[in-house]
Amino acid sequence: MTTQKIDGVSVKTQANVYFDGKCVSHGLTLPDGTKLSVGVVLPATLTFGTGAPEIMECVGGYCEYKLEGSNEWVRSSAGESFSVPGNSKFEIRVTEPYHYICHYA
């Protein structure tokens, strides 16, 4: 099921802009203190690094991703998610805008 709406959040109004504008997100904090980011990746192939484990939830469009240590590109579409270990990297390949929620573990 794709998340359509997140109620009762605190939003950081300053956007996080990465890779010369190819990825833009906003940080959210839920009432229980849980942190998320909501954003979009524009067409590109990018490499992201993680500190904590992350779950990338696709809410629109699709991407292909490749986890560190893998040679396989995997597709993730709206309603799907993928997990990324902490202290690692992943590549993401996007051909149309990919809308996501990043859940930090």
PDB file of N, CA and C in Angstrom:
ATOM      1  N   MET A   1       0.841  -1.183   0.000  1.00  0.00           N
ATOM      2  CA  MET A   1       0.000   0.000   0.000  1.00  0.00           C
ATOM      3  C   MET A   1       0.887   1.247   0.000  1.00  0.00           C
ATOM      4  N   THR A   2       0.578   2.190  -0.827  1.00  0.00           N
ATOM      5  CA  THR A   2       1.349   3.419  -0.940  1.00  0.00           C
ATOM      6  C   THR A   2       0.849   4.451   0.060  1.00  0.00           C
ATOM      7  N   THR A   3       1.778   5.053   0.787  1.00  0.00           N
ATOM      8  CA  THR A   3       1.421   6.122   1.714  1.00  0.00           C
ATOM      9  C   THR A   3       0.937   7.320   0.908  1.00  0.00           C
ATOM     10  N   GLN A   4      -0.254   7.808   1.196  1.00  0.00           N
ATOM     11  CA  GLN A   4      -0.824   8.947   0.487  1.00  0.00           C
ATOM     12  C   GLN A   4      -0.697  10.243   1.281  1.00  0.00           C
ATOM     13  N   LYS A   5      -0.657  10.130   2.618  1.00  0.00           N
ATOM     14  CA  LYS A   5      -0.718  11.305   3.469  1.00  0.00           C
ATOM     15  C   LYS A   5      -0.071  10.967   4.802  1.00  0.00           C
ATOM     16  N   ILE A   6       0.632  11.939   5.394  1.00  0.00           N
ATOM     17  CA  ILE A   6       1.239  11.766   6.711  1.00  0.00           C
ATOM     18  C   ILE A   6       0.706  12.889   7.591  1.00  0.00           C
ATOM     19  N   ASP A   7      -0.101  12.544   8.580  1.00  0.00           N
ATOM     20  CA  ASP A   7      -0.719  13.538   9.451  1.00  0.00           C
ATOM     21  C   ASP A   7       0.157  13.868  10.653  1.00  0.00           C
ATOM     22  N   GLY A   8      -0.039  15.068  11.214  1.00  0.00           N
ATOM     23  CA  GLY A   8       0.552  15.460  12.485  1.00  0.00           C
ATOM     24  C   GLY A   8       2.058  15.533  12.513  1.00  0.00           C
ATOM     25  N   VAL A   9       2.669  16.002  11.440  1.00  0.00           N
ATOM     26  CA  VAL A   9       4.128  16.043  11.374  1.00  0.00           C
ATOM     27  C   VAL A   9       4.671  17.455  11.518  1.00  0.00           C
ATOM     28  N   SER A  10       5.921  17.546  11.910  1.00  0.00           N
ATOM     29  CA  SER A  10       6.682  18.780  11.887  1.00  0.00           C
ATOM     30  C   SER A  10       7.554  18.716  10.635  1.00  0.00           C
ATOM     31  N   VAL A  11       7.546  19.777   9.830  1.00  0.00           N
ATOM     32  CA  VAL A  11       8.265  19.784   8.553  1.00  0.00           C
ATOM     33  C   VAL A  11       9.387  20.818   8.598  1.00  0.00           C
ATOM     34  N   LYS A  12      10.582  20.405   8.178  1.00  0.00           N
ATOM     35  CA  LYS A  12      11.677  21.360   7.995  1.00  0.00           C
ATOM     36  C   LYS A  12      11.422  22.073   6.672  1.00  0.00           C
ATOM     37  N   THR A  13      11.268  23.377   6.727  1.00  0.00           N
ATOM     38  CA  THR A  13      10.909  24.116   5.523  1.00  0.00           C
ATOM     39  C   THR A  13      12.079  24.299   4.561  1.00  0.00           C
ATOM     40  N   GLN A  14      13.298  24.203   5.044  1.00  0.00           N
ATOM     41  CA  GLN A  14      14.473  24.306   4.178  1.00  0.00           C
ATOM     42  C   GLN A  14      14.686  22.952   3.501  1.00  0.00           C
ATOM     43  N   ALA A  15      14.660  22.925   2.184  1.00  0.00           N
ATOM     44  CA  ALA A  15      14.844  21.674   1.441  1.00  0.00           C
ATOM     45  C   ALA A  15      16.287  21.193   1.517  1.00  0.00           C
ATOM     46  N   ASN A  16      16.440  19.882   1.456  1.00  0.00           N
ATOM     47  CA  ASN A  16      17.745  19.255   1.275  1.00  0.00           C
ATOM     48  C   ASN A  16      17.898  19.064  -0.230  1.00  0.00           C
ATOM     49  N   VAL A  17      18.915  19.669  -0.817  1.00  0.00           N
ATOM     50  CA  VAL A  17      19.129  19.597  -2.262  1.00  0.00           C
ATOM     51  C   VAL A  17      20.469  18.900  -2.502  1.00  0.00           C
ATOM     52  N   TYR A  18      20.424  17.796  -3.226  1.00  0.00           N
ATOM     53  CA  TYR A  18      21.613  16.991  -3.489  1.00  0.00           C
ATOM     54  C   TYR A  18      21.839  16.870  -4.997  1.00  0.00           C
ATOM     55  N   PHE A  19      23.083  16.594  -5.349  1.00  0.00           N
ATOM     56  CA  PHE A  19      23.434  16.282  -6.739  1.00  0.00           C
ATOM     57  C   PHE A  19      22.929  17.355  -7.712  1.00  0.00           C
ATOM     58  N   ASP A  20      23.254  18.616  -7.413  1.00  0.00           N
ATOM     59  CA  ASP A  20      22.889  19.739  -8.285  1.00  0.00           C
ATOM     60  C   ASP A  20      21.395  19.775  -8.602  1.00  0.00           C
ATOM     61  N   GLY A  21      20.573  19.455  -7.596  1.00  0.00           N
ATOM     62  CA  GLY A  21      19.129  19.532  -7.764  1.00  0.00           C
ATOM     63  C   GLY A  21      18.474  18.275  -8.304  1.00  0.00           C
ATOM     64  N   LYS A  22      19.244  17.213  -8.517  1.00  0.00           N
ATOM     65  CA  LYS A  22      18.658  15.959  -9.019  1.00  0.00           C
ATOM     66  C   LYS A  22      17.859  15.228  -7.931  1.00  0.00           C
ATOM     67  N   CYS A  23      18.091  15.576  -6.667  1.00  0.00           N
ATOM     68  CA  CYS A  23      17.338  15.001  -5.549  1.00  0.00           C
ATOM     69  C   CYS A  23      17.010  16.132  -4.581  1.00  0.00           C
ATOM     70  N   VAL A  24      15.734  16.287  -4.263  1.00  0.00           N
ATOM     71  CA  VAL A  24      15.284  17.322  -3.329  1.00  0.00           C
ATOM     72  C   VAL A  24      14.345  16.660  -2.327  1.00  0.00           C
ATOM     73  N   SER A  25      14.573  16.915  -1.037  1.00  0.00           N
ATOM     74  CA  SER A  25      13.718  16.320  -0.010  1.00  0.00           C
ATOM     75  C   SER A  25      13.494  17.296   1.134  1.00  0.00           C
ATOM     76  N   HIS A  26      12.505  16.981   1.954  1.00  0.00           N
ATOM     77  CA  HIS A  26      12.214  17.723   3.179  1.00  0.00           C
ATOM     78  C   HIS A  26      12.189  16.735   4.335  1.00  0.00           C
ATOM     79  N   GLY A  27      12.766  17.129   5.462  1.00  0.00           N
ATOM     80  CA  GLY A  27      12.757  16.304   6.656  1.00  0.00           C
ATOM     81  C   GLY A  27      11.459  16.467   7.417  1.00  0.00           C
ATOM     82  N   LEU A  28      10.933  15.346   7.917  1.00  0.00           N
ATOM     83  CA  LEU A  28       9.714  15.336   8.710  1.00  0.00           C
ATOM     84  C   LEU A  28      10.010  14.682  10.050  1.00  0.00           C
ATOM     85  N   THR A  29       9.312  15.132  11.082  1.00  0.00           N
ATOM     86  CA  THR A  29       9.370  14.473  12.385  1.00  0.00           C
ATOM     87  C   THR A  29       7.947  14.153  12.808  1.00  0.00           C
ATOM     88  N   LEU A  30       7.686  12.884  13.098  1.00  0.00           N
ATOM     89  CA  LEU A  30       6.380  12.441  13.553  1.00  0.00           C
ATOM     90  C   LEU A  30       6.202  12.780  15.037  1.00  0.00           C
ATOM     91  N   PRO A  31       4.962  12.789  15.541  1.00  0.00           N
ATOM     92  CA  PRO A  31       4.729  13.111  16.951  1.00  0.00           C
ATOM     93  C   PRO A  31       5.526  12.237  17.926  1.00  0.00           C
ATOM     94  N   ASP A  32       5.827  10.989  17.544  1.00  0.00           N
ATOM     95  CA  ASP A  32       6.589  10.103  18.431  1.00  0.00           C
ATOM     96  C   ASP A  32       8.103  10.289  18.303  1.00  0.00           C
ATOM     97  N   GLY A  33       8.539  11.262  17.477  1.00  0.00           N
ATOM     98  CA  GLY A  33       9.965  11.546  17.304  1.00  0.00           C
ATOM     99  C   GLY A  33      10.604  10.841  16.125  1.00  0.00           C
ATOM    100  N   THR A  34       9.876   9.957  15.470  1.00  0.00           N
ATOM    101  CA  THR A  34      10.388   9.261  14.292  1.00  0.00           C
ATOM    102  C   THR A  34      10.690  10.275  13.190  1.00  0.00           C
ATOM    103  N   LYS A  35      11.846  10.107  12.534  1.00  0.00           N
ATOM    104  CA  LYS A  35      12.237  11.010  11.456  1.00  0.00           C
ATOM    105  C   LYS A  35      12.120  10.316  10.107  1.00  0.00           C
ATOM    106  N   LEU A  36      11.638  11.081   9.126  1.00  0.00           N
ATOM    107  CA  LEU A  36      11.488  10.634   7.741  1.00  0.00           C
ATOM    108  C   LEU A  36      11.983  11.748   6.838  1.00  0.00           C
ATOM    109  N   SER A  37      12.186  11.432   5.582  1.00  0.00           N
ATOM    110  CA  SER A  37      12.315  12.486   4.586  1.00  0.00           C
ATOM    111  C   SER A  37      11.413  12.116   3.415  1.00  0.00           C
ATOM    112  N   VAL A  38      10.866  13.132   2.789  1.00  0.00           N
ATOM    113  CA  VAL A  38       9.967  12.972   1.655  1.00  0.00           C
ATOM    114  C   VAL A  38      10.562  13.775   0.511  1.00  0.00           C
ATOM    115  N   GLY A  39      10.708  13.144  -0.653  1.00  0.00           N
ATOM    116  CA  GLY A  39      11.334  13.879  -1.733  1.00  0.00           C
ATOM    117  C   GLY A  39      11.123  13.258  -3.092  1.00  0.00           C
ATOM    118  N   VAL A  40      11.901  13.782  -4.031  1.00  0.00           N
ATOM    119  CA  VAL A  40      11.841  13.333  -5.416  1.00  0.00           C
ATOM    120  C   VAL A  40      13.258  13.285  -5.980  1.00  0.00           C
ATOM    121  N   VAL A  41      13.506  12.259  -6.789  1.00  0.00           N
ATOM    122  CA  VAL A  41      14.755  12.145  -7.540  1.00  0.00           C
ATOM    123  C   VAL A  41      14.383  12.318  -9.011  1.00  0.00           C
ATOM    124  N   LEU A  42      15.055  13.243  -9.672  1.00  0.00           N
ATOM    125  CA  LEU A  42      14.828  13.497 -11.093  1.00  0.00           C
ATOM    126  C   LEU A  42      15.721  12.574 -11.926  1.00  0.00           C
ATOM    127  N   PRO A  43      15.442  12.416 -13.220  1.00  0.00           N
ATOM    128  CA  PRO A  43      16.203  11.468 -14.037  1.00  0.00           C
ATOM    129  C   PRO A  43      17.714  11.638 -13.900  1.00  0.00           C
ATOM    130  N   ALA A  44      18.351  10.541 -13.468  1.00  0.00           N
ATOM    131  CA  ALA A  44      19.800  10.515 -13.243  1.00  0.00           C
ATOM    132  C   ALA A  44      20.179   9.132 -12.735  1.00  0.00           C
ATOM    133  N   THR A  45      21.472   8.883 -12.645  1.00  0.00           N
ATOM    134  CA  THR A  45      22.011   7.736 -11.927  1.00  0.00           C
ATOM    135  C   THR A  45      22.895   8.316 -10.834  1.00  0.00           C
ATOM    136  N   LEU A  46      22.551   8.031  -9.569  1.00  0.00           N
ATOM    137  CA  LEU A  46      23.199   8.652  -8.418  1.00  0.00           C
ATOM    138  C   LEU A  46      23.642   7.588  -7.424  1.00  0.00           C
ATOM    139  N   THR A  47      24.641   7.920  -6.612  1.00  0.00           N
ATOM    140  CA  THR A  47      25.093   7.044  -5.537  1.00  0.00           C
ATOM    141  C   THR A  47      24.885   7.753  -4.211  1.00  0.00           C
ATOM    142  N   PHE A  48      24.131   7.113  -3.318  1.00  0.00           N
ATOM    143  CA  PHE A  48      23.847   7.651  -1.994  1.00  0.00           C
ATOM    144  C   PHE A  48      24.585   6.830  -0.945  1.00  0.00           C
ATOM    145  N   GLY A  49      24.996   7.492   0.122  1.00  0.00           N
ATOM    146  CA  GLY A  49      25.572   6.820   1.274  1.00  0.00           C
ATOM    147  C   GLY A  49      24.592   6.892   2.433  1.00  0.00           C
ATOM    148  N   THR A  50      24.604   5.869   3.276  1.00  0.00           N
ATOM    149  CA  THR A  50      23.719   5.837   4.435  1.00  0.00           C
ATOM    150  C   THR A  50      24.545   5.840   5.722  1.00  0.00           C
ATOM    151  N   GLY A  51      23.966   6.437   6.764  1.00  0.00           N
ATOM    152  CA  GLY A  51      24.526   6.313   8.109  1.00  0.00           C
ATOM    153  C   GLY A  51      23.762   5.206   8.807  1.00  0.00           C
ATOM    154  N   ALA A  52      22.480   5.459   9.054  1.00  0.00           N
ATOM    155  CA  ALA A  52      21.588   4.471   9.652  1.00  0.00           C
ATOM    156  C   ALA A  52      20.915   3.665   8.555  1.00  0.00           C
ATOM    157  N   PRO A  53      20.372   2.495   8.895  1.00  0.00           N
ATOM    158  CA  PRO A  53      19.587   1.746   7.911  1.00  0.00           C
ATOM    159  C   PRO A  53      18.399   2.578   7.430  1.00  0.00           C
ATOM    160  N   GLU A  54      18.010   2.378   6.186  1.00  0.00           N
ATOM    161  CA  GLU A  54      16.906   3.128   5.593  1.00  0.00           C
ATOM    162  C   GLU A  54      15.961   2.184   4.867  1.00  0.00           C
ATOM    163  N   ILE A  55      14.706   2.581   4.816  1.00  0.00           N
ATOM    164  CA  ILE A  55      13.725   1.917   3.959  1.00  0.00           C
ATOM    165  C   ILE A  55      13.231   2.980   2.989  1.00  0.00           C
ATOM    166  N   MET A  56      13.406   2.730   1.710  1.00  0.00           N
ATOM    167  CA  MET A  56      12.972   3.647   0.659  1.00  0.00           C
ATOM    168  C   MET A  56      11.621   3.174   0.139  1.00  0.00           C
ATOM    169  N   GLU A  57      10.579   3.973   0.405  1.00  0.00           N
ATOM    170  CA  GLU A  57       9.226   3.655  -0.035  1.00  0.00           C
ATOM    171  C   GLU A  57       8.908   4.481  -1.280  1.00  0.00           C
ATOM    172  N   CYS A  58       8.555   3.820  -2.364  1.00  0.00           N
ATOM    173  CA  CYS A  58       8.193   4.518  -3.597  1.00  0.00           C
ATOM    174  C   CYS A  58       6.718   4.897  -3.536  1.00  0.00           C
ATOM    175  N   VAL A  59       6.445   6.189  -3.679  1.00  0.00           N
ATOM    176  CA  VAL A  59       5.056   6.664  -3.676  1.00  0.00           C
ATOM    177  C   VAL A  59       4.619   7.181  -5.050  1.00  0.00           C
ATOM    178  N   GLY A  60       5.537   7.222  -6.009  1.00  0.00           N
ATOM    179  CA  GLY A  60       5.206   7.630  -7.362  1.00  0.00           C
ATOM    180  C   GLY A  60       6.384   7.400  -8.283  1.00  0.00           C
ATOM    181  N   GLY A  61       6.086   6.993  -9.517  1.00  0.00           N
ATOM    182  CA  GLY A  61       7.145   6.703 -10.470  1.00  0.00           C
ATOM    183  C   GLY A  61       7.784   5.362 -10.152  1.00  0.00           C
ATOM    184  N   TYR A  62       9.039   5.218 -10.540  1.00  0.00           N
ATOM    185  CA  TYR A  62       9.781   4.007 -10.221  1.00  0.00           C
ATOM    186  C   TYR A  62      11.267   4.318 -10.309  1.00  0.00           C
ATOM    187  N   CYS A  63      12.063   3.421  -9.761  1.00  0.00           N
ATOM    188  CA  CYS A  63      13.516   3.526  -9.873  1.00  0.00           C
ATOM    189  C   CYS A  63      14.069   2.125 -10.042  1.00  0.00           C
ATOM    190  N   GLU A  64      15.322   2.063 -10.377  1.00  0.00           N
ATOM    191  CA  GLU A  64      16.090   0.837 -10.286  1.00  0.00           C
ATOM    192  C   GLU A  64      17.211   1.130  -9.301  1.00  0.00           C
ATOM    193  N   TYR A  65      17.489   0.187  -8.435  1.00  0.00           N
ATOM    194  CA  TYR A  65      18.526   0.398  -7.425  1.00  0.00           C
ATOM    195  C   TYR A  65      19.464  -0.790  -7.390  1.00  0.00           C
ATOM    196  N   LYS A  66      20.666  -0.526  -6.906  1.00  0.00           N
ATOM    197  CA  LYS A  66      21.681  -1.560  -6.760  1.00  0.00           C
ATOM    198  C   LYS A  66      22.365  -1.318  -5.421  1.00  0.00           C
ATOM    199  N   LEU A  67      22.266  -2.294  -4.529  1.00  0.00           N
ATOM    200  CA  LEU A  67      22.884  -2.174  -3.210  1.00  0.00           C
ATOM    201  C   LEU A  67      24.385  -2.400  -3.304  1.00  0.00           C
ATOM    202  N   GLU A  68      25.124  -1.806  -2.379  1.00  0.00           N
ATOM    203  CA  GLU A  68      26.574  -1.995  -2.325  1.00  0.00           C
ATOM    204  C   GLU A  68      26.902  -3.487  -2.261  1.00  0.00           C
ATOM    205  N   GLY A  69      27.858  -3.912  -3.076  1.00  0.00           N
ATOM    206  CA  GLY A  69      28.268  -5.307  -3.102  1.00  0.00           C
ATOM    207  C   GLY A  69      27.465  -6.175  -4.055  1.00  0.00           C
ATOM    208  N   SER A  70      26.442  -5.598  -4.699  1.00  0.00           N
ATOM    209  CA  SER A  70      25.621  -6.344  -5.651  1.00  0.00           C
ATOM    210  C   SER A  70      25.888  -5.836  -7.055  1.00  0.00           C
ATOM    211  N   ASN A  71      25.706  -6.701  -8.039  1.00  0.00           N
ATOM    212  CA  ASN A  71      25.812  -6.298  -9.438  1.00  0.00           C
ATOM    213  C   ASN A  71      24.446  -6.228 -10.096  1.00  0.00           C
ATOM    214  N   GLU A  72      23.378  -6.492  -9.313  1.00  0.00           N
ATOM    215  CA  GLU A  72      22.030  -6.606  -9.862  1.00  0.00           C
ATOM    216  C   GLU A  72      21.217  -5.334  -9.640  1.00  0.00           C
ATOM    217  N   TRP A  73      20.650  -4.790 -10.717  1.00  0.00           N
ATOM    218  CA  TRP A  73      19.709  -3.684 -10.645  1.00  0.00           C
ATOM    219  C   TRP A  73      18.324  -4.262 -10.392  1.00  0.00           C
ATOM    220  N   VAL A  74      17.600  -3.704  -9.426  1.00  0.00           N
ATOM    221  CA  VAL A  74      16.265  -4.174  -9.051  1.00  0.00           C
ATOM    222  C   VAL A  74      15.292  -3.014  -9.204  1.00  0.00           C
ATOM    223  N   ARG A  75      14.128  -3.281  -9.775  1.00  0.00           N
ATOM    224  CA  ARG A  75      13.126  -2.233  -9.978  1.00  0.00           C
ATOM    225  C   ARG A  75      12.238  -2.104  -8.742  1.00  0.00           C
ATOM    226  N   SER A  76      11.919  -0.859  -8.377  1.00  0.00           N
ATOM    227  CA  SER A  76      10.990  -0.561  -7.287  1.00  0.00           C
ATOM    228  C   SER A  76       9.986   0.459  -7.803  1.00  0.00           C
ATOM    229  N   SER A  77       8.693   0.101  -7.752  1.00  0.00           N
ATOM    230  CA  SER A  77       7.612   0.936  -8.269  1.00  0.00           C
ATOM    231  C   SER A  77       6.716   1.400  -7.131  1.00  0.00           C
ATOM    232  N   ALA A  78       5.756   2.268  -7.466  1.00  0.00           N
ATOM    233  CA  ALA A  78       4.814   2.793  -6.472  1.00  0.00           C
ATOM    234  C   ALA A  78       4.183   1.651  -5.692  1.00  0.00           C
ATOM    235  N   GLY A  79       4.162   1.808  -4.371  1.00  0.00           N
ATOM    236  CA  GLY A  79       3.622   0.794  -3.479  1.00  0.00           C
ATOM    237  C   GLY A  79       4.656  -0.206  -3.002  1.00  0.00           C
ATOM    238  N   GLU A  80       5.879  -0.109  -3.524  1.00  0.00           N
ATOM    239  CA  GLU A  80       6.956  -1.024  -3.130  1.00  0.00           C
ATOM    240  C   GLU A  80       8.019  -0.259  -2.348  1.00  0.00           C
ATOM    241  N   SER A  81       8.845  -1.002  -1.631  1.00  0.00           N
ATOM    242  CA  SER A  81       9.940  -0.383  -0.886  1.00  0.00           C
ATOM    243  C   SER A  81      11.147  -1.312  -0.918  1.00  0.00           C
ATOM    244  N   PHE A  82      12.298  -0.755  -0.572  1.00  0.00           N
ATOM    245  CA  PHE A  82      13.501  -1.568  -0.441  1.00  0.00           C
ATOM    246  C   PHE A  82      14.310  -1.062   0.743  1.00  0.00           C
ATOM    247  N   SER A  83      15.058  -1.972   1.337  1.00  0.00           N
ATOM    248  CA  SER A  83      15.855  -1.664   2.527  1.00  0.00           C
ATOM    249  C   SER A  83      17.315  -1.503   2.156  1.00  0.00           C
ATOM    250  N   VAL A  84      17.954  -0.532   2.811  1.00  0.00           N
ATOM    251  CA  VAL A  84      19.373  -0.268   2.601  1.00  0.00           C
ATOM    252  C   VAL A  84      20.056  -0.363   3.965  1.00  0.00           C
ATOM    253  N   PRO A  85      21.101  -1.180   4.083  1.00  0.00           N
ATOM    254  CA  PRO A  85      21.798  -1.289   5.367  1.00  0.00           C
ATOM    255  C   PRO A  85      22.457   0.038   5.765  1.00  0.00           C
ATOM    256  N   GLY A  86      22.687   0.199   7.057  1.00  0.00           N
ATOM    257  CA  GLY A  86      23.408   1.371   7.540  1.00  0.00           C
ATOM    258  C   GLY A  86      24.870   1.317   7.136  1.00  0.00           C
ATOM    259  N   ASN A  87      25.493   2.483   7.106  1.00  0.00           N
ATOM    260  CA  ASN A  87      26.913   2.607   6.765  1.00  0.00           C
ATOM    261  C   ASN A  87      27.254   1.883   5.465  1.00  0.00           C
ATOM    262  N   SER A  88      26.430   2.113   4.442  1.00  0.00           N
ATOM    263  CA  SER A  88      26.676   1.502   3.142  1.00  0.00           C
ATOM    264  C   SER A  88      26.319   2.499   2.050  1.00  0.00           C
ATOM    265  N   LYS A  89      26.314   2.026   0.828  1.00  0.00           N
ATOM    266  CA  LYS A  89      25.968   2.858  -0.323  1.00  0.00           C
ATOM    267  C   LYS A  89      24.979   2.107  -1.192  1.00  0.00           C
ATOM    268  N   PHE A  90      24.236   2.880  -1.979  1.00  0.00           N
ATOM    269  CA  PHE A  90      23.405   2.267  -3.010  1.00  0.00           C
ATOM    270  C   PHE A  90      23.333   3.210  -4.191  1.00  0.00           C
ATOM    271  N   GLU A  91      23.196   2.615  -5.370  1.00  0.00           N
ATOM    272  CA  GLU A  91      23.018   3.385  -6.587  1.00  0.00           C
ATOM    273  C   GLU A  91      21.546   3.384  -6.926  1.00  0.00           C
ATOM    274  N   ILE A  92      21.078   4.484  -7.477  1.00  0.00           N
ATOM    275  CA  ILE A  92      19.695   4.585  -7.910  1.00  0.00           C
ATOM    276  C   ILE A  92      19.689   5.148  -9.326  1.00  0.00           C
ATOM    277  N   ARG A  93      18.897   4.528 -10.176  1.00  0.00           N
ATOM    278  CA  ARG A  93      18.799   4.925 -11.592  1.00  0.00           C
ATOM    279  C   ARG A  93      17.337   5.282 -11.847  1.00  0.00           C
ATOM    280  N   VAL A  94      17.115   6.517 -12.331  1.00  0.00           N
ATOM    281  CA  VAL A  94      15.763   7.042 -12.492  1.00  0.00           C
ATOM    282  C   VAL A  94      15.624   7.608 -13.901  1.00  0.00           C
ATOM    283  N   THR A  95      14.521   7.241 -14.597  1.00  0.00           N
ATOM    284  CA  THR A  95      14.276   7.771 -15.940  1.00  0.00           C
ATOM    285  C   THR A  95      13.063   8.695 -15.984  1.00  0.00           C
ATOM    286  N   GLU A  96      12.290   8.737 -14.896  1.00  0.00           N
ATOM    287  CA  GLU A  96      11.176   9.674 -14.734  1.00  0.00           C
ATOM    288  C   GLU A  96      11.167  10.040 -13.251  1.00  0.00           C
ATOM    289  N   PRO A  97      10.543  11.133 -12.848  1.00  0.00           N
ATOM    290  CA  PRO A  97      10.593  11.504 -11.431  1.00  0.00           C
ATOM    291  C   PRO A  97      10.156  10.357 -10.514  1.00  0.00           C
ATOM    292  N   TYR A  98      10.994  10.089  -9.508  1.00  0.00           N
ATOM    293  CA  TYR A  98      10.780   9.032  -8.525  1.00  0.00           C
ATOM    294  C   TYR A  98      10.465   9.717  -7.196  1.00  0.00           C
ATOM    295  N   HIS A  99       9.237   9.554  -6.717  1.00  0.00           N
ATOM    296  CA  HIS A  99       8.788  10.175  -5.472  1.00  0.00           C
ATOM    297  C   HIS A  99       8.907   9.149  -4.350  1.00  0.00           C
ATOM    298  N   TYR A 100       9.492   9.561  -3.228  1.00  0.00           N
ATOM    299  CA  TYR A 100       9.792   8.585  -2.171  1.00  0.00           C
ATOM    300  C   TYR A 100       9.569   9.145  -0.767  1.00  0.00           C
ATOM    301  N   ILE A 101       9.447   8.218   0.153  1.00  0.00           N
ATOM    302  CA  ILE A 101       9.540   8.504   1.577  1.00  0.00           C
ATOM    303  C   ILE A 101      10.704   7.651   2.080  1.00  0.00           C
ATOM    304  N   CYS A 102      11.658   8.289   2.725  1.00  0.00           N
ATOM    305  CA  CYS A 102      12.782   7.564   3.316  1.00  0.00           C
ATOM    306  C   CYS A 102      12.505   7.409   4.810  1.00  0.00           C
ATOM    307  N   HIS A 103      12.367   6.159   5.247  1.00  0.00           N
ATOM    308  CA  HIS A 103      12.145   5.836   6.650  1.00  0.00           C
ATOM    309  C   HIS A 103      13.503   5.489   7.250  1.00  0.00           C
ATOM    310  N   TYR A 104      13.912   6.213   8.280  1.00  0.00           N
ATOM    311  CA  TYR A 104      15.193   5.941   8.942  1.00  0.00           C
ATOM    312  C   TYR A 104      14.981   4.979  10.098  1.00  0.00           C
ATOM    313  N   ALA A 105      15.797   3.922  10.129  1.00  0.00           N
ATOM    314  CA  ALA A 105      15.656   2.918  11.190  1.00  0.00           C
ATOM    315  C   ALA A 105      16.488   3.281  12.407  1.00  0.00           C
TER     316      ALA A 105
END
